[in-house]
Amino acid sequence: MPADAGCVTSIAAGDQRLYVYAQTGSDDLPKSWRIRLVTGQRVLVDRPLHAGNVTSYPRVIAATDVDQDGDADWWVKVRDYTSHGAPWAGMNLFVGIDDSIAPLRYQGSPLVIDFGGISRRGNGAACLDGDLVLLQADAQNRLNTKWAISQVRFSISRARAKLVRRTRGTLVIHGYNDPDLDPYYEVRCYGTNFSVFAPRPSP
């Protein structure tokens, strides 16, 4: 890593490893961020990552083959949301294309994948047959037992997302800790499930 690298996170998939790291200043605080993909000792990609601020540091979260093309795709947290102290964040998905990566884009901009949430709103995502599905749930009553839910399904071609369908419905649960609500606060992708730093917040 460069001499001024700091706040490094990384994860490996096969013979590749993805790093997110800060370029630090004389005060040892991040002044900018970069993303680096390596194979062994060979650097394949090293470029700026437009993410983070003084209170929110980007980090590598996981690697999965979302589009099932044989190349690893990389989940990178790029922002934290502050809302009632709840664990809630936004990610970009960096799609592996041969020996390179590119952020998954929708309508010309990187697609932000929110996950986590507050007691009355949850965001999650799932991988389904090579597609990416974004999930959202919003409580509709005081007891948090009736939720308006939505699912937005995208197909992925290289690093471009194409809208397949949107569906909306109602989820009725028996109590706030009902596991049927869990997918709307998590990312579930081919055996790799993760949430934001903490369990779903209590109402």
C-alpha atoms as a PDB file:
ATOM      1  CA  MET A   1       0.000   0.000   0.000  1.00  0.00           C
ATOM      2  CA  PRO A   2       1.135   3.618  -0.445  1.00  0.00           C
ATOM      3  CA  ALA A   3       3.019   5.185   2.451  1.00  0.00           C
ATOM      4  CA  ASP A   4       0.156   7.584   3.202  1.00  0.00           C
ATOM      5  CA  ALA A   5      -2.509   4.838   3.224  1.00  0.00           C
ATOM      6  CA  GLY A   6      -4.690   4.555   6.309  1.00  0.00           C
ATOM      7  CA  CYS A   7      -8.093   3.275   7.487  1.00  0.00           C
ATOM      8  CA  VAL A   8      -7.734   0.211   5.243  1.00  0.00           C
ATOM      9  CA  THR A   9     -10.474  -2.384   4.817  1.00  0.00           C
ATOM     10  CA  SER A  10     -10.262  -5.310   2.426  1.00  0.00           C
ATOM     11  CA  ILE A  11     -11.779  -8.633   1.498  1.00  0.00           C
ATOM     12  CA  ALA A  12     -10.657 -11.469  -0.767  1.00  0.00           C
ATOM     13  CA  ALA A  13     -12.564 -13.482  -3.358  1.00  0.00           C
ATOM     14  CA  GLY A  14     -10.624 -16.213  -5.108  1.00  0.00           C
ATOM     15  CA  ASP A  15      -7.212 -14.848  -6.093  1.00  0.00           C
ATOM     16  CA  GLN A  16      -8.380 -11.232  -5.996  1.00  0.00           C
ATOM     17  CA  ARG A  17      -8.521  -8.810  -3.084  1.00  0.00           C
ATOM     18  CA  LEU A  18     -10.324  -5.474  -2.977  1.00  0.00           C
ATOM     19  CA  TYR A  19      -9.079  -2.639  -0.751  1.00  0.00           C
ATOM     20  CA  VAL A  20     -10.706   0.630   0.249  1.00  0.00           C
ATOM     21  CA  TYR A  21      -8.247   2.979   1.871  1.00  0.00           C
ATOM     22  CA  ALA A  22      -7.712   6.603   2.772  1.00  0.00           C
ATOM     23  CA  GLN A  23      -4.937   8.881   1.694  1.00  0.00           C
ATOM     24  CA  THR A  24      -4.082  10.603   4.955  1.00  0.00           C
ATOM     25  CA  GLY A  25      -2.706  14.052   5.654  1.00  0.00           C
ATOM     26  CA  SER A  26      -0.094  15.227   8.147  1.00  0.00           C
ATOM     27  CA  ASP A  27      -2.720  14.911  10.905  1.00  0.00           C
ATOM     28  CA  ASP A  28      -3.237  11.224   9.974  1.00  0.00           C
ATOM     29  CA  LEU A  29      -6.871  11.920   9.052  1.00  0.00           C
ATOM     30  CA  PRO A  30      -8.333  10.934   5.677  1.00  0.00           C
ATOM     31  CA  LYS A  31      -8.129  13.606   2.996  1.00  0.00           C
ATOM     32  CA  SER A  32      -9.390  11.391   0.148  1.00  0.00           C
ATOM     33  CA  TRP A  33     -10.335   7.782  -0.524  1.00  0.00           C
ATOM     34  CA  ARG A  34      -9.252   5.204  -3.089  1.00  0.00           C
ATOM     35  CA  ILE A  35     -10.322   1.732  -4.200  1.00  0.00           C
ATOM     36  CA  ARG A  36      -7.760  -0.874  -5.269  1.00  0.00           C
ATOM     37  CA  LEU A  37      -8.153  -4.332  -6.826  1.00  0.00           C
ATOM     38  CA  VAL A  38      -5.170  -6.670  -6.797  1.00  0.00           C
ATOM     39  CA  THR A  39      -4.275 -10.180  -7.894  1.00  0.00           C
ATOM     40  CA  GLY A  40      -1.270 -11.441  -5.973  1.00  0.00           C
ATOM     41  CA  GLN A  41       1.217  -8.563  -6.163  1.00  0.00           C
ATOM     42  CA  ARG A  42      -0.298  -7.125  -9.355  1.00  0.00           C
ATOM     43  CA  VAL A  43      -2.438  -3.998  -9.022  1.00  0.00           C
ATOM     44  CA  LEU A  44      -5.339  -4.193 -11.483  1.00  0.00           C
ATOM     45  CA  VAL A  45      -7.235  -1.052 -10.423  1.00  0.00           C
ATOM     46  CA  ASP A  46      -6.323   1.872  -8.184  1.00  0.00           C
ATOM     47  CA  ARG A  47      -8.505   4.938  -8.517  1.00  0.00           C
ATOM     48  CA  PRO A  48     -10.369   7.563  -6.463  1.00  0.00           C
ATOM     49  CA  LEU A  49     -13.464   6.523  -4.531  1.00  0.00           C
ATOM     50  CA  HIS A  50     -15.958   9.349  -4.133  1.00  0.00           C
ATOM     51  CA  ALA A  51     -17.273   8.528  -0.677  1.00  0.00           C
ATOM     52  CA  GLY A  52     -16.925   9.344   2.990  1.00  0.00           C
ATOM     53  CA  ASN A  53     -16.594  12.483   5.047  1.00  0.00           C
ATOM     54  CA  VAL A  54     -15.169  13.420   8.452  1.00  0.00           C
ATOM     55  CA  THR A  55     -17.755  11.304  10.281  1.00  0.00           C
ATOM     56  CA  SER A  56     -18.451   8.553   7.722  1.00  0.00           C
ATOM     57  CA  TYR A  57     -15.687   6.286   6.432  1.00  0.00           C
ATOM     58  CA  PRO A  58     -16.252   3.963   3.469  1.00  0.00           C
ATOM     59  CA  ARG A  59     -15.401   0.287   3.859  1.00  0.00           C
ATOM     60  CA  VAL A  60     -15.500  -2.996   1.991  1.00  0.00           C
ATOM     61  CA  ILE A  61     -18.425  -5.090   3.223  1.00  0.00           C
ATOM     62  CA  ALA A  62     -18.542  -8.336   1.214  1.00  0.00           C
ATOM     63  CA  ALA A  63     -17.850 -10.069  -2.084  1.00  0.00           C
ATOM     64  CA  THR A  64     -20.420 -12.156  -3.947  1.00  0.00           C
ATOM     65  CA  ASP A  65     -21.115 -13.014  -7.577  1.00  0.00           C
ATOM     66  CA  VAL A  66     -24.383 -11.085  -7.854  1.00  0.00           C
ATOM     67  CA  ASP A  67     -24.864 -11.423 -11.612  1.00  0.00           C
ATOM     68  CA  GLN A  68     -23.559 -15.027 -11.656  1.00  0.00           C
ATOM     69  CA  ASP A  69     -21.035 -14.388 -14.431  1.00  0.00           C
ATOM     70  CA  GLY A  70     -18.113 -16.002 -12.608  1.00  0.00           C
ATOM     71  CA  ASP A  71     -16.460 -12.728 -11.542  1.00  0.00           C
ATOM     72  CA  ALA A  72     -16.664 -11.426  -7.971  1.00  0.00           C
ATOM     73  CA  ASP A  73     -18.786  -8.334  -7.321  1.00  0.00           C
ATOM     74  CA  TRP A  74     -17.872  -6.137  -4.368  1.00  0.00           C
ATOM     75  CA  TRP A  75     -20.176  -4.443  -1.840  1.00  0.00           C
ATOM     76  CA  VAL A  76     -18.683  -1.160  -0.607  1.00  0.00           C
ATOM     77  CA  LYS A  77     -20.304   1.062   2.021  1.00  0.00           C
ATOM     78  CA  VAL A  78     -20.048   4.630   0.750  1.00  0.00           C
ATOM     79  CA  ARG A  79     -22.233   6.565   3.197  1.00  0.00           C
ATOM     80  CA  ASP A  80     -23.774   6.443   6.654  1.00  0.00           C
ATOM     81  CA  TYR A  81     -27.171   7.898   7.431  1.00  0.00           C
ATOM     82  CA  THR A  82     -27.768   9.575  10.773  1.00  0.00           C
ATOM     83  CA  SER A  83     -31.306   9.041  11.961  1.00  0.00           C
ATOM     84  CA  HIS A  84     -32.224   8.485  15.600  1.00  0.00           C
ATOM     85  CA  GLY A  85     -28.828   6.840  16.109  1.00  0.00           C
ATOM     86  CA  ALA A  86     -29.936   3.881  13.988  1.00  0.00           C
ATOM     87  CA  PRO A  87     -27.602   1.664  11.950  1.00  0.00           C
ATOM     88  CA  TRP A  88     -28.369   2.643   8.365  1.00  0.00           C
ATOM     89  CA  ALA A  89     -26.037   2.947   5.393  1.00  0.00           C
ATOM     90  CA  GLY A  90     -25.778   3.126   1.622  1.00  0.00           C
ATOM     91  CA  MET A  91     -23.559   0.977  -0.585  1.00  0.00           C
ATOM     92  CA  ASN A  92     -22.322   0.860  -4.135  1.00  0.00           C
ATOM     93  CA  LEU A  93     -21.899  -2.483  -5.849  1.00  0.00           C
ATOM     94  CA  PHE A  94     -18.665  -2.700  -7.828  1.00  0.00           C
ATOM     95  CA  VAL A  95     -19.188  -5.221 -10.611  1.00  0.00           C
ATOM     96  CA  GLY A  96     -16.242  -7.390 -11.599  1.00  0.00           C
ATOM     97  CA  ILE A  97     -15.551  -7.243 -15.332  1.00  0.00           C
ATOM     98  CA  ASP A  98     -12.594  -9.431 -16.313  1.00  0.00           C
ATOM     99  CA  ASP A  99      -9.644  -7.825 -14.480  1.00  0.00           C
ATOM    100  CA  SER A 100     -11.410  -4.581 -13.651  1.00  0.00           C
ATOM    101  CA  ILE A 101     -14.349  -3.226 -11.699  1.00  0.00           C
ATOM    102  CA  ALA A 102     -17.017  -0.596 -12.280  1.00  0.00           C
ATOM    103  CA  PRO A 103     -19.812   0.718 -10.044  1.00  0.00           C
ATOM    104  CA  LEU A 104     -23.225  -0.622 -10.941  1.00  0.00           C
ATOM    105  CA  ARG A 105     -25.058   2.247 -12.619  1.00  0.00           C
ATOM    106  CA  TYR A 106     -28.727   2.976 -13.174  1.00  0.00           C
ATOM    107  CA  GLN A 107     -29.895   5.835 -15.379  1.00  0.00           C
ATOM    108  CA  GLY A 108     -26.348   7.123 -15.643  1.00  0.00           C
ATOM    109  CA  SER A 109     -25.483   7.294 -11.921  1.00  0.00           C
ATOM    110  CA  PRO A 110     -24.069   4.765  -9.454  1.00  0.00           C
ATOM    111  CA  LEU A 111     -26.946   2.827  -7.888  1.00  0.00           C
ATOM    112  CA  VAL A 112     -27.085   3.388  -4.120  1.00  0.00           C
ATOM    113  CA  ILE A 113     -28.189   0.293  -2.231  1.00  0.00           C
ATOM    114  CA  ASP A 114     -29.541   1.234   1.199  1.00  0.00           C
ATOM    115  CA  PHE A 115     -29.582  -1.282   4.030  1.00  0.00           C
ATOM    116  CA  GLY A 116     -30.447  -1.204   7.720  1.00  0.00           C
ATOM    117  CA  GLY A 117     -32.918   1.391   8.925  1.00  0.00           C
ATOM    118  CA  ILE A 118     -34.879   2.779  11.810  1.00  0.00           C
ATOM    119  CA  SER A 119     -37.694   1.229  13.810  1.00  0.00           C
ATOM    120  CA  ARG A 120     -40.370   2.206  11.274  1.00  0.00           C
ATOM    121  CA  ARG A 121     -38.465   1.906   7.990  1.00  0.00           C
ATOM    122  CA  GLY A 122     -36.164  -0.826   6.742  1.00  0.00           C
ATOM    123  CA  ASN A 123     -34.062  -1.149   3.628  1.00  0.00           C
ATOM    124  CA  GLY A 124     -32.563  -4.371   2.355  1.00  0.00           C
ATOM    125  CA  ALA A 125     -31.494  -6.175  -0.782  1.00  0.00           C
ATOM    126  CA  ALA A 126     -31.378  -9.697  -2.159  1.00  0.00           C
ATOM    127  CA  CYS A 127     -29.745 -11.562  -5.013  1.00  0.00           C
ATOM    128  CA  LEU A 128     -32.138 -13.637  -7.086  1.00  0.00           C
ATOM    129  CA  ASP A 129     -31.196 -15.665 -10.182  1.00  0.00           C
ATOM    130  CA  GLY A 130     -28.523 -13.176 -11.230  1.00  0.00           C
ATOM    131  CA  ASP A 131     -30.700 -10.131 -10.523  1.00  0.00           C
ATOM    132  CA  LEU A 132     -30.529  -7.566  -7.729  1.00  0.00           C
ATOM    133  CA  VAL A 133     -33.689  -6.854  -5.734  1.00  0.00           C
ATOM    134  CA  LEU A 134     -33.973  -3.764  -3.516  1.00  0.00           C
ATOM    135  CA  LEU A 135     -36.416  -4.033  -0.604  1.00  0.00           C
ATOM    136  CA  GLN A 136     -38.147  -1.428   1.523  1.00  0.00           C
ATOM    137  CA  ALA A 137     -40.657  -1.669   4.369  1.00  0.00           C
ATOM    138  CA  ASP A 138     -42.527   1.180   6.078  1.00  0.00           C
ATOM    139  CA  ALA A 139     -44.615   0.701   9.213  1.00  0.00           C
ATOM    140  CA  GLN A 140     -48.278   1.591   8.776  1.00  0.00           C
ATOM    141  CA  ASN A 141     -49.588   1.381  12.324  1.00  0.00           C
ATOM    142  CA  ARG A 142     -48.487   2.310  15.842  1.00  0.00           C
ATOM    143  CA  LEU A 143     -47.730  -1.277  16.830  1.00  0.00           C
ATOM    144  CA  ASN A 144     -45.447  -1.859  13.814  1.00  0.00           C
ATOM    145  CA  THR A 145     -47.398  -4.956  12.798  1.00  0.00           C
ATOM    146  CA  LYS A 146     -48.624  -3.717   9.395  1.00  0.00           C
ATOM    147  CA  TRP A 147     -46.010  -2.686   6.832  1.00  0.00           C
ATOM    148  CA  ALA A 148     -46.140  -1.329   3.302  1.00  0.00           C
ATOM    149  CA  ILE A 149     -43.461  -3.217   1.369  1.00  0.00           C
ATOM    150  CA  SER A 150     -41.881  -2.712  -2.037  1.00  0.00           C
ATOM    151  CA  GLN A 151     -39.471  -4.695  -4.161  1.00  0.00           C
ATOM    152  CA  VAL A 152     -37.551  -3.263  -7.127  1.00  0.00           C
ATOM    153  CA  ARG A 153     -35.866  -5.855  -9.316  1.00  0.00           C
ATOM    154  CA  PHE A 154     -32.937  -5.054 -11.614  1.00  0.00           C
ATOM    155  CA  SER A 155     -31.139  -7.220 -14.141  1.00  0.00           C
ATOM    156  CA  ILE A 156     -27.401  -6.616 -14.487  1.00  0.00           C
ATOM    157  CA  SER A 157     -25.464  -6.476 -17.746  1.00  0.00           C
ATOM    158  CA  ARG A 158     -21.803  -5.828 -17.031  1.00  0.00           C
ATOM    159  CA  ALA A 159     -22.089  -2.716 -14.823  1.00  0.00           C
ATOM    160  CA  ARG A 160     -25.495  -1.503 -15.967  1.00  0.00           C
ATOM    161  CA  ALA A 161     -28.718  -2.105 -14.074  1.00  0.00           C
ATOM    162  CA  LYS A 162     -31.980  -2.412 -15.991  1.00  0.00           C
ATOM    163  CA  LEU A 163     -35.322  -2.148 -14.222  1.00  0.00           C
ATOM    164  CA  VAL A 164     -37.254  -5.405 -14.513  1.00  0.00           C
ATOM    165  CA  ARG A 165     -40.267  -4.717 -12.315  1.00  0.00           C
ATOM    166  CA  ARG A 166     -41.581  -2.945  -9.238  1.00  0.00           C
ATOM    167  CA  THR A 167     -43.986  -4.643  -6.880  1.00  0.00           C
ATOM    168  CA  ARG A 168     -45.805  -3.322  -3.825  1.00  0.00           C
ATOM    169  CA  GLY A 169     -47.764  -5.044  -1.128  1.00  0.00           C
ATOM    170  CA  THR A 170     -48.582  -5.317   2.562  1.00  0.00           C
ATOM    171  CA  LEU A 171     -46.794  -7.374   5.181  1.00  0.00           C
ATOM    172  CA  VAL A 172     -48.725  -8.237   8.352  1.00  0.00           C
ATOM    173  CA  ILE A 173     -46.620  -9.646  11.192  1.00  0.00           C
ATOM    174  CA  HIS A 174     -47.380 -10.771  14.739  1.00  0.00           C
ATOM    175  CA  GLY A 175     -44.756  -8.628  16.450  1.00  0.00           C
ATOM    176  CA  TYR A 176     -41.900  -6.301  15.682  1.00  0.00           C
ATOM    177  CA  ASN A 177     -39.314  -9.087  16.067  1.00  0.00           C
ATOM    178  CA  ASP A 178     -41.066 -11.350  13.568  1.00  0.00           C
ATOM    179  CA  PRO A 179     -38.336 -12.824  11.284  1.00  0.00           C
ATOM    180  CA  ASP A 180     -40.525 -12.146   8.233  1.00  0.00           C
ATOM    181  CA  LEU A 181     -39.414  -8.510   8.576  1.00  0.00           C
ATOM    182  CA  ASP A 182     -35.689  -9.315   8.682  1.00  0.00           C
ATOM    183  CA  PRO A 183     -35.084  -9.326   4.894  1.00  0.00           C
ATOM    184  CA  TYR A 184     -36.157  -5.679   4.783  1.00  0.00           C
ATOM    185  CA  TYR A 185     -33.231  -4.726   7.041  1.00  0.00           C
ATOM    186  CA  GLU A 186     -30.500  -6.965   5.586  1.00  0.00           C
ATOM    187  CA  VAL A 187     -28.639  -7.905   2.431  1.00  0.00           C
ATOM    188  CA  ARG A 188     -29.004 -11.572   1.513  1.00  0.00           C
ATOM    189  CA  CYS A 189     -26.872 -12.749  -1.379  1.00  0.00           C
ATOM    190  CA  TYR A 190     -25.996 -16.383  -2.084  1.00  0.00           C
ATOM    191  CA  GLY A 191     -25.102 -17.409   1.446  1.00  0.00           C
ATOM    192  CA  THR A 192     -23.567 -14.072   2.480  1.00  0.00           C
ATOM    193  CA  ASN A 193     -25.968 -12.143   4.711  1.00  0.00           C
ATOM    194  CA  PHE A 194     -25.071  -8.907   6.428  1.00  0.00           C
ATOM    195  CA  SER A 195     -26.648  -5.984   8.224  1.00  0.00           C
ATOM    196  CA  VAL A 196     -25.303  -2.617   9.362  1.00  0.00           C
ATOM    197  CA  PHE A 197     -23.150  -3.104  12.440  1.00  0.00           C
ATOM    198  CA  ALA A 198     -26.078  -3.897  14.752  1.00  0.00           C
ATOM    199  CA  PRO A 199     -29.428  -5.714  14.862  1.00  0.00           C
ATOM    200  CA  ARG A 200     -32.638  -3.986  13.869  1.00  0.00           C
ATOM    201  CA  PRO A 201     -33.322  -1.066  16.245  1.00  0.00           C
ATOM    202  CA  SER A 202     -36.021  -1.431  18.881  1.00  0.00           C
ATOM    203  CA  PRO A 203     -39.226   0.605  18.536  1.00  0.00           C
END
